[in-house]
């Protein structure tokens, strides 16, 4: 996948997390990885369709999820209850929504599906033949592992189709 297509997605994550958590957020070293996405305590899965198809997954442990929810909602959360799950799912939705808006401005008409939540460390997600970029997003209380597995479709402009 071309860097020009990944950058808007990573920028959206950094911008939304900085804004929602009112804290410094850093991108760790990105790497192309193969094999299944291995879940942690909570995985937010967003399907992408249109000019690009695939998934964006946000994988994090319960401690990170609870700390994020605590920061966003102004009260302490210590378990992955429905409120924490809903709040974290919405963050993934907002990041992905902002990312597809940026991709659309590049001529890539894309859409996202509502987020799906996977709970438990035993979850595995296969992206089949779609290469996956792993981008760690470092917060002061832990790391969110963003997995981006997207490929151009026949709806993509020709220069992108060779990505």
N, C-alpha and C. Protein backbone atom coordinates (compact mmCIF):
# COMPACT_ATOMS: atom_id res chain seq x y z
N UNK A 1 0.85 -1.18 0.00
CA UNK A 1 0.00 0.00 0.00
C UNK A 1 0.89 1.23 0.00
N UNK A 2 0.50 2.21 -0.76
CA UNK A 2 1.28 3.43 -0.89
C UNK A 2 1.22 4.25 0.40
N UNK A 3 2.35 4.87 0.72
CA UNK A 3 2.44 5.70 1.92
C UNK A 3 1.42 6.83 1.91
N UNK A 4 1.15 7.38 0.73
CA UNK A 4 0.17 8.48 0.61
C UNK A 4 -1.21 8.05 1.08
N UNK A 5 -1.48 6.75 1.03
CA UNK A 5 -2.78 6.24 1.46
C UNK A 5 -2.80 5.90 2.95
N UNK A 6 -1.66 5.59 3.50
CA UNK A 6 -1.57 5.23 4.92
C UNK A 6 -1.50 6.48 5.80
N UNK A 7 -0.78 7.49 5.34
CA UNK A 7 -0.58 8.70 6.16
C UNK A 7 -1.88 9.34 6.64
N UNK A 8 -2.92 9.48 5.80
CA UNK A 8 -4.15 10.10 6.32
C UNK A 8 -4.80 9.28 7.44
N UNK A 9 -4.64 7.96 7.39
CA UNK A 9 -5.23 7.10 8.42
C UNK A 9 -4.48 7.27 9.74
N UNK A 10 -3.16 7.26 9.67
CA UNK A 10 -2.34 7.44 10.88
C UNK A 10 -2.53 8.84 11.44
N UNK A 11 -2.57 9.85 10.57
CA UNK A 11 -2.78 11.22 11.04
C UNK A 11 -4.12 11.35 11.74
N UNK A 12 -5.15 10.73 11.19
CA UNK A 12 -6.47 10.77 11.84
C UNK A 12 -6.40 10.18 13.24
N UNK A 13 -5.71 9.05 13.39
CA UNK A 13 -5.59 8.42 14.71
C UNK A 13 -4.88 9.35 15.69
N UNK A 14 -3.77 9.92 15.26
CA UNK A 14 -3.02 10.80 16.16
C UNK A 14 -3.84 12.03 16.54
N UNK A 15 -4.50 12.65 15.57
CA UNK A 15 -5.29 13.85 15.84
C UNK A 15 -6.46 13.57 16.77
N UNK A 16 -7.21 12.51 16.50
CA UNK A 16 -8.38 12.19 17.32
C UNK A 16 -7.95 11.84 18.74
N UNK A 17 -6.93 11.02 18.88
CA UNK A 17 -6.49 10.62 20.22
C UNK A 17 -5.95 11.80 21.01
N UNK A 18 -5.19 12.69 20.36
CA UNK A 18 -4.71 13.89 21.05
C UNK A 18 -5.89 14.72 21.55
N UNK A 19 -6.87 14.89 20.70
CA UNK A 19 -8.02 15.71 21.05
C UNK A 19 -8.88 15.06 22.15
N UNK A 20 -9.20 13.79 21.99
CA UNK A 20 -10.08 13.11 22.95
C UNK A 20 -9.43 12.89 24.30
N UNK A 21 -8.12 12.63 24.29
CA UNK A 21 -7.42 12.30 25.54
C UNK A 21 -6.65 13.49 26.12
N UNK A 22 -6.57 14.57 25.33
CA UNK A 22 -5.87 15.78 25.78
C UNK A 22 -4.46 15.44 26.31
N UNK A 23 -3.71 14.68 25.50
CA UNK A 23 -2.39 14.24 25.91
C UNK A 23 -1.49 14.06 24.70
N UNK A 24 -0.22 13.89 24.95
CA UNK A 24 0.72 13.59 23.87
C UNK A 24 0.48 12.17 23.36
N UNK A 25 0.56 12.03 22.07
CA UNK A 25 0.39 10.76 21.40
C UNK A 25 1.52 10.65 20.38
N UNK A 26 2.18 9.49 20.35
CA UNK A 26 3.28 9.31 19.40
C UNK A 26 3.04 8.06 18.56
N UNK A 27 3.50 8.15 17.33
CA UNK A 27 3.46 6.97 16.46
C UNK A 27 4.74 6.18 16.67
N UNK A 28 4.59 4.90 16.93
CA UNK A 28 5.76 4.04 17.04
C UNK A 28 6.22 3.63 15.65
N UNK A 29 7.19 2.74 15.61
CA UNK A 29 7.74 2.29 14.34
C UNK A 29 6.76 1.35 13.64
N UNK A 30 6.37 1.73 12.44
CA UNK A 30 5.44 0.93 11.66
C UNK A 30 6.17 -0.24 11.00
N UNK A 31 5.45 -1.32 10.78
CA UNK A 31 6.04 -2.50 10.14
C UNK A 31 4.98 -3.23 9.35
N UNK A 32 5.38 -3.79 8.22
CA UNK A 32 4.50 -4.67 7.46
C UNK A 32 4.57 -6.04 8.12
N UNK A 33 3.41 -6.59 8.44
CA UNK A 33 3.37 -7.88 9.13
C UNK A 33 2.48 -8.84 8.35
N UNK A 34 2.70 -10.11 8.58
CA UNK A 34 1.87 -11.12 7.92
C UNK A 34 1.25 -12.01 8.98
N UNK A 35 0.38 -12.87 8.55
CA UNK A 35 -0.32 -13.73 9.49
C UNK A 35 -1.55 -13.04 10.04
N UNK A 36 -2.19 -13.68 10.96
CA UNK A 36 -3.42 -13.15 11.53
C UNK A 36 -3.14 -12.01 12.50
N UNK A 37 -4.12 -11.13 12.62
CA UNK A 37 -4.11 -10.13 13.69
C UNK A 37 -4.48 -10.89 14.96
N UNK A 38 -3.65 -10.78 15.97
CA UNK A 38 -3.95 -11.43 17.25
C UNK A 38 -4.57 -10.40 18.17
N UNK A 39 -5.74 -10.71 18.69
CA UNK A 39 -6.44 -9.79 19.55
C UNK A 39 -5.79 -9.67 20.92
N UNK A 40 -6.23 -8.66 21.63
CA UNK A 40 -5.86 -8.48 23.03
C UNK A 40 -7.18 -8.46 23.79
N UNK A 41 -7.25 -7.74 24.88
CA UNK A 41 -8.49 -7.71 25.65
C UNK A 41 -9.64 -7.12 24.85
N UNK A 42 -9.33 -6.12 24.00
CA UNK A 42 -10.36 -5.45 23.22
C UNK A 42 -9.80 -5.12 21.84
N UNK A 43 -10.55 -5.49 20.81
CA UNK A 43 -10.19 -5.16 19.44
C UNK A 43 -11.40 -4.49 18.80
N UNK A 44 -11.17 -3.30 18.24
CA UNK A 44 -12.21 -2.61 17.49
C UNK A 44 -11.92 -2.89 16.03
N UNK A 45 -12.90 -3.40 15.33
CA UNK A 45 -12.74 -3.78 13.94
C UNK A 45 -13.66 -2.92 13.08
N UNK A 46 -13.07 -2.23 12.10
CA UNK A 46 -13.82 -1.37 11.20
C UNK A 46 -13.60 -1.87 9.77
N UNK A 47 -14.68 -2.22 9.09
CA UNK A 47 -14.59 -2.63 7.70
C UNK A 47 -14.61 -1.40 6.80
N UNK A 48 -13.80 -1.44 5.75
CA UNK A 48 -13.70 -0.35 4.78
C UNK A 48 -14.11 -0.90 3.42
N UNK A 49 -14.95 -0.15 2.70
CA UNK A 49 -15.39 -0.55 1.37
C UNK A 49 -15.29 0.65 0.42
N UNK A 50 -15.44 0.38 -0.85
CA UNK A 50 -15.39 1.44 -1.86
C UNK A 50 -14.13 1.32 -2.68
N UNK A 51 -13.43 2.43 -2.89
CA UNK A 51 -12.20 2.45 -3.68
C UNK A 51 -11.09 1.64 -3.01
N UNK A 52 -11.17 1.51 -1.69
CA UNK A 52 -10.27 0.64 -0.92
C UNK A 52 -11.16 -0.32 -0.15
N UNK A 53 -10.68 -1.54 0.02
CA UNK A 53 -11.45 -2.49 0.83
C UNK A 53 -10.50 -3.20 1.79
N UNK A 54 -11.05 -3.58 2.91
CA UNK A 54 -10.28 -4.28 3.93
C UNK A 54 -10.75 -3.87 5.30
N UNK A 55 -9.80 -3.82 6.24
CA UNK A 55 -10.14 -3.49 7.62
C UNK A 55 -9.10 -2.55 8.23
N UNK A 56 -9.57 -1.86 9.25
CA UNK A 56 -8.69 -1.17 10.19
C UNK A 56 -9.07 -1.73 11.55
N UNK A 57 -8.07 -2.24 12.26
CA UNK A 57 -8.31 -2.82 13.59
C UNK A 57 -7.48 -2.08 14.61
N UNK A 58 -8.07 -1.83 15.76
CA UNK A 58 -7.40 -1.18 16.88
C UNK A 58 -7.36 -2.20 18.01
N UNK A 59 -6.17 -2.62 18.40
CA UNK A 59 -6.01 -3.68 19.39
C UNK A 59 -5.39 -3.07 20.65
N UNK A 60 -6.03 -3.29 21.80
CA UNK A 60 -5.51 -2.72 23.04
C UNK A 60 -5.88 -3.60 24.22
N UNK A 61 -5.13 -3.41 25.30
CA UNK A 61 -5.44 -4.20 26.49
C UNK A 61 -6.44 -3.45 27.36
N UNK A 62 -6.99 -4.15 28.34
CA UNK A 62 -8.03 -3.59 29.19
C UNK A 62 -7.56 -2.35 29.94
N UNK A 63 -6.32 -2.35 30.39
CA UNK A 63 -5.79 -1.20 31.12
C UNK A 63 -5.80 0.05 30.25
N UNK A 64 -5.35 -0.07 29.01
CA UNK A 64 -5.34 1.08 28.10
C UNK A 64 -6.77 1.54 27.83
N UNK A 65 -7.67 0.59 27.56
CA UNK A 65 -9.06 0.94 27.28
C UNK A 65 -9.70 1.66 28.46
N UNK A 66 -9.49 1.14 29.67
CA UNK A 66 -10.08 1.78 30.87
C UNK A 66 -9.48 3.16 31.10
N UNK A 67 -8.19 3.31 30.91
CA UNK A 67 -7.57 4.63 31.08
C UNK A 67 -8.07 5.62 30.04
N UNK A 68 -8.24 5.16 28.80
CA UNK A 68 -8.79 6.04 27.77
C UNK A 68 -10.20 6.50 28.14
N UNK A 69 -11.04 5.55 28.53
CA UNK A 69 -12.41 5.89 28.90
C UNK A 69 -12.42 6.84 30.10
N UNK A 70 -11.56 6.60 31.06
CA UNK A 70 -11.48 7.47 32.24
C UNK A 70 -11.12 8.89 31.84
N UNK A 71 -10.15 9.03 30.94
CA UNK A 71 -9.74 10.36 30.47
C UNK A 71 -10.87 11.05 29.72
N UNK A 72 -11.56 10.31 28.85
CA UNK A 72 -12.60 10.90 28.02
C UNK A 72 -13.85 11.27 28.81
N UNK A 73 -14.18 10.47 29.82
CA UNK A 73 -15.45 10.65 30.51
C UNK A 73 -15.32 11.29 31.88
N UNK A 74 -14.09 11.49 32.33
CA UNK A 74 -13.89 12.18 33.60
C UNK A 74 -14.25 11.40 34.84
N UNK A 75 -14.31 10.09 34.72
CA UNK A 75 -14.52 9.24 35.89
C UNK A 75 -13.67 7.99 35.74
N UNK A 76 -13.41 7.32 36.84
CA UNK A 76 -12.50 6.17 36.79
C UNK A 76 -13.24 4.90 36.38
N UNK A 77 -12.63 4.19 35.42
CA UNK A 77 -13.12 2.89 34.99
C UNK A 77 -12.01 1.88 35.20
N UNK A 78 -12.37 0.71 35.72
CA UNK A 78 -11.35 -0.31 36.00
C UNK A 78 -11.66 -1.64 35.32
N UNK A 79 -12.83 -1.75 34.69
CA UNK A 79 -13.18 -2.99 33.98
C UNK A 79 -13.74 -2.64 32.61
N UNK A 80 -13.68 -3.62 31.73
CA UNK A 80 -14.19 -3.43 30.36
C UNK A 80 -15.72 -3.57 30.34
N UNK A 81 -16.39 -2.67 31.04
CA UNK A 81 -17.86 -2.74 31.06
C UNK A 81 -18.42 -2.15 29.76
N UNK A 82 -19.74 -2.13 29.66
CA UNK A 82 -20.39 -1.66 28.43
C UNK A 82 -20.05 -0.22 28.11
N UNK A 83 -19.90 0.62 29.12
CA UNK A 83 -19.59 2.03 28.88
C UNK A 83 -18.19 2.17 28.28
N UNK A 84 -17.23 1.46 28.83
CA UNK A 84 -15.86 1.50 28.30
C UNK A 84 -15.85 0.97 26.87
N UNK A 85 -16.49 -0.16 26.65
CA UNK A 85 -16.52 -0.74 25.31
C UNK A 85 -17.14 0.23 24.30
N UNK A 86 -18.24 0.83 24.67
CA UNK A 86 -18.92 1.76 23.78
C UNK A 86 -18.05 2.99 23.48
N UNK A 87 -17.43 3.52 24.51
CA UNK A 87 -16.58 4.70 24.33
C UNK A 87 -15.39 4.42 23.43
N UNK A 88 -14.75 3.29 23.64
CA UNK A 88 -13.57 2.94 22.84
C UNK A 88 -13.99 2.62 21.41
N UNK A 89 -15.11 1.95 21.23
CA UNK A 89 -15.61 1.68 19.88
C UNK A 89 -15.88 2.98 19.14
N UNK A 90 -16.42 3.95 19.84
CA UNK A 90 -16.71 5.23 19.20
C UNK A 90 -15.43 5.95 18.80
N UNK A 91 -14.39 5.85 19.61
CA UNK A 91 -13.09 6.45 19.23
C UNK A 91 -12.59 5.82 17.93
N UNK A 92 -12.66 4.49 17.83
CA UNK A 92 -12.26 3.83 16.59
C UNK A 92 -13.09 4.27 15.41
N UNK A 93 -14.37 4.45 15.63
CA UNK A 93 -15.29 4.91 14.60
C UNK A 93 -14.93 6.33 14.13
N UNK A 94 -14.65 7.22 15.08
CA UNK A 94 -14.30 8.60 14.75
C UNK A 94 -12.97 8.65 13.98
N UNK A 95 -11.98 7.90 14.45
CA UNK A 95 -10.69 7.86 13.74
C UNK A 95 -10.91 7.38 12.31
N UNK A 96 -11.61 6.28 12.15
CA UNK A 96 -11.81 5.71 10.82
C UNK A 96 -12.64 6.63 9.94
N UNK A 97 -13.65 7.27 10.51
CA UNK A 97 -14.45 8.23 9.76
C UNK A 97 -13.63 9.39 9.26
N UNK A 98 -12.78 9.92 10.12
CA UNK A 98 -11.91 11.03 9.71
C UNK A 98 -10.93 10.55 8.64
N UNK A 99 -10.44 9.34 8.78
CA UNK A 99 -9.49 8.80 7.79
C UNK A 99 -10.15 8.67 6.42
N UNK A 100 -11.37 8.14 6.34
CA UNK A 100 -12.00 7.98 5.03
C UNK A 100 -12.38 9.33 4.43
N UNK A 101 -12.65 10.33 5.26
CA UNK A 101 -12.88 11.68 4.73
C UNK A 101 -11.60 12.19 4.06
N UNK A 102 -10.46 11.96 4.69
CA UNK A 102 -9.18 12.38 4.10
C UNK A 102 -8.90 11.60 2.82
N UNK A 103 -9.18 10.31 2.82
CA UNK A 103 -8.97 9.50 1.63
C UNK A 103 -9.90 9.96 0.49
N UNK A 104 -11.11 10.34 0.84
CA UNK A 104 -12.04 10.85 -0.18
C UNK A 104 -11.51 12.12 -0.82
N UNK A 105 -10.84 12.96 -0.04
CA UNK A 105 -10.27 14.19 -0.61
C UNK A 105 -9.13 13.88 -1.58
N UNK A 106 -8.60 12.65 -1.52
CA UNK A 106 -7.57 12.21 -2.47
C UNK A 106 -8.19 11.51 -3.68
N UNK A 107 -9.53 11.52 -3.76
CA UNK A 107 -10.21 10.88 -4.88
C UNK A 107 -10.57 9.43 -4.64
N UNK A 108 -10.44 8.98 -3.40
CA UNK A 108 -10.76 7.59 -3.05
C UNK A 108 -12.06 7.55 -2.27
N UNK A 109 -13.15 7.31 -2.97
CA UNK A 109 -14.46 7.25 -2.33
C UNK A 109 -14.55 5.97 -1.51
N UNK A 110 -14.46 6.11 -0.21
CA UNK A 110 -14.49 4.96 0.69
C UNK A 110 -15.57 5.16 1.74
N UNK A 111 -16.00 4.06 2.31
CA UNK A 111 -17.02 4.04 3.36
C UNK A 111 -16.55 3.12 4.47
N UNK A 112 -17.10 3.34 5.67
CA UNK A 112 -16.81 2.43 6.78
C UNK A 112 -18.11 1.85 7.31
N UNK A 113 -18.00 0.66 7.85
CA UNK A 113 -19.12 0.00 8.53
C UNK A 113 -19.07 0.37 10.00
N UNK A 114 -20.18 0.24 10.71
CA UNK A 114 -20.13 0.46 12.16
C UNK A 114 -19.10 -0.47 12.80
N UNK A 115 -18.52 -0.03 13.91
CA UNK A 115 -17.48 -0.85 14.54
C UNK A 115 -18.03 -2.15 15.11
N UNK A 116 -17.19 -3.17 15.04
CA UNK A 116 -17.46 -4.44 15.71
C UNK A 116 -16.42 -4.58 16.80
N UNK A 117 -16.83 -5.08 17.95
CA UNK A 117 -15.90 -5.29 19.07
C UNK A 117 -15.64 -6.77 19.24
N UNK A 118 -14.37 -7.10 19.39
CA UNK A 118 -13.97 -8.46 19.71
C UNK A 118 -13.34 -8.42 21.09
N UNK A 119 -13.81 -9.28 21.96
CA UNK A 119 -13.32 -9.31 23.33
C UNK A 119 -12.53 -10.58 23.57
N UNK A 120 -11.39 -10.45 24.20
CA UNK A 120 -10.62 -11.62 24.58
C UNK A 120 -9.34 -11.76 23.79
N UNK A 121 -8.33 -12.25 24.48
CA UNK A 121 -7.01 -12.37 23.89
C UNK A 121 -6.89 -13.52 22.91
N UNK A 122 -7.86 -14.38 22.84
CA UNK A 122 -7.77 -15.52 21.94
C UNK A 122 -8.32 -15.24 20.55
N UNK A 123 -8.73 -14.00 20.29
CA UNK A 123 -9.29 -13.68 18.98
C UNK A 123 -8.19 -13.62 17.93
N UNK A 124 -8.55 -14.06 16.74
CA UNK A 124 -7.63 -14.01 15.59
C UNK A 124 -8.43 -13.47 14.42
N UNK A 125 -7.83 -12.57 13.67
CA UNK A 125 -8.47 -11.99 12.50
C UNK A 125 -7.56 -12.23 11.31
N UNK A 126 -8.09 -12.85 10.29
CA UNK A 126 -7.31 -13.07 9.07
C UNK A 126 -7.65 -11.98 8.07
N UNK A 127 -6.61 -11.41 7.45
CA UNK A 127 -6.83 -10.44 6.38
C UNK A 127 -6.59 -11.10 5.02
N UNK A 128 -6.50 -12.42 5.03
CA UNK A 128 -6.33 -13.22 3.83
C UNK A 128 -5.17 -12.70 2.99
N UNK A 129 -5.45 -12.24 1.78
CA UNK A 129 -4.37 -11.82 0.88
C UNK A 129 -4.04 -10.33 0.97
N UNK A 130 -4.60 -9.63 1.93
CA UNK A 130 -4.35 -8.19 2.03
C UNK A 130 -3.18 -7.96 2.97
N UNK A 131 -2.08 -7.36 2.46
CA UNK A 131 -0.95 -7.05 3.35
C UNK A 131 -1.40 -6.11 4.48
N UNK A 132 -0.76 -6.22 5.62
CA UNK A 132 -1.17 -5.45 6.80
C UNK A 132 -0.01 -4.62 7.33
N UNK A 133 -0.32 -3.36 7.62
CA UNK A 133 0.65 -2.48 8.25
C UNK A 133 0.28 -2.35 9.72
N UNK A 134 1.24 -2.60 10.59
CA UNK A 134 1.04 -2.46 12.03
C UNK A 134 1.67 -1.13 12.45
N UNK A 135 0.85 -0.27 13.05
CA UNK A 135 1.32 1.03 13.51
C UNK A 135 1.01 1.15 15.00
N UNK A 136 2.04 1.09 15.86
CA UNK A 136 1.80 1.31 17.29
C UNK A 136 1.52 2.80 17.55
N UNK A 137 0.49 3.06 18.33
CA UNK A 137 0.18 4.43 18.76
C UNK A 137 0.42 4.46 20.26
N UNK A 138 1.45 5.22 20.66
CA UNK A 138 1.90 5.22 22.05
C UNK A 138 1.25 6.35 22.84
N UNK A 139 0.59 5.96 23.93
CA UNK A 139 -0.04 6.89 24.86
C UNK A 139 0.74 6.84 26.17
N UNK A 140 0.51 7.77 27.05
CA UNK A 140 1.26 7.77 28.31
C UNK A 140 0.95 6.56 29.19
N UNK A 141 -0.19 5.91 28.95
CA UNK A 141 -0.58 4.76 29.77
C UNK A 141 -0.62 3.46 28.98
N UNK A 142 0.01 3.42 27.82
CA UNK A 142 0.06 2.18 27.06
C UNK A 142 0.01 2.40 25.57
N UNK A 143 -0.17 1.34 24.82
CA UNK A 143 -0.09 1.39 23.37
C UNK A 143 -1.35 0.80 22.74
N UNK A 144 -1.81 1.47 21.70
CA UNK A 144 -2.86 0.94 20.83
C UNK A 144 -2.14 0.44 19.58
N UNK A 145 -2.43 -0.78 19.17
CA UNK A 145 -1.82 -1.34 17.97
C UNK A 145 -2.84 -1.25 16.83
N UNK A 146 -2.56 -0.36 15.89
CA UNK A 146 -3.45 -0.14 14.76
C UNK A 146 -2.98 -1.01 13.60
N UNK A 147 -3.87 -1.84 13.10
CA UNK A 147 -3.58 -2.72 11.96
C UNK A 147 -4.37 -2.19 10.77
N UNK A 148 -3.67 -1.88 9.69
CA UNK A 148 -4.31 -1.34 8.49
C UNK A 148 -4.10 -2.36 7.37
N UNK A 149 -5.19 -2.95 6.91
CA UNK A 149 -5.13 -3.93 5.83
C UNK A 149 -6.12 -3.50 4.76
N UNK A 150 -5.64 -2.73 3.80
CA UNK A 150 -6.50 -2.19 2.75
C UNK A 150 -5.87 -2.43 1.39
N UNK A 151 -6.71 -2.66 0.40
CA UNK A 151 -6.21 -2.78 -0.96
C UNK A 151 -7.17 -2.04 -1.90
N UNK A 152 -6.63 -1.50 -2.99
CA UNK A 152 -7.46 -0.80 -3.97
C UNK A 152 -8.43 -1.78 -4.65
N UNK A 153 -9.58 -1.26 -5.04
CA UNK A 153 -10.56 -2.05 -5.79
C UNK A 153 -10.68 -1.48 -7.20
N UNK A 154 -11.57 -2.04 -7.97
CA UNK A 154 -11.80 -1.53 -9.32
C UNK A 154 -12.39 -0.12 -9.31
N UNK A 155 -12.87 0.34 -8.16
CA UNK A 155 -13.42 1.70 -8.03
C UNK A 155 -12.33 2.74 -7.81
N UNK A 156 -11.11 2.30 -7.55
CA UNK A 156 -10.00 3.22 -7.29
C UNK A 156 -9.50 3.82 -8.60
N UNK A 157 -9.04 5.09 -8.53
CA UNK A 157 -8.42 5.67 -9.73
C UNK A 157 -7.23 4.82 -10.18
N UNK A 158 -6.94 4.81 -11.46
CA UNK A 158 -5.89 3.97 -12.02
C UNK A 158 -4.54 4.08 -11.35
N UNK A 159 -4.02 5.29 -11.03
CA UNK A 159 -2.70 5.31 -10.37
C UNK A 159 -2.66 4.57 -9.05
N UNK A 160 -3.79 4.51 -8.36
CA UNK A 160 -3.83 3.83 -7.06
C UNK A 160 -3.94 2.33 -7.26
N UNK A 161 -4.54 1.90 -8.36
CA UNK A 161 -4.80 0.47 -8.55
C UNK A 161 -3.53 -0.35 -8.51
N UNK A 162 -2.39 0.24 -8.81
CA UNK A 162 -1.14 -0.50 -8.78
C UNK A 162 -0.49 -0.50 -7.41
N UNK A 163 -1.16 0.07 -6.41
CA UNK A 163 -0.57 0.18 -5.07
C UNK A 163 -0.36 -1.17 -4.45
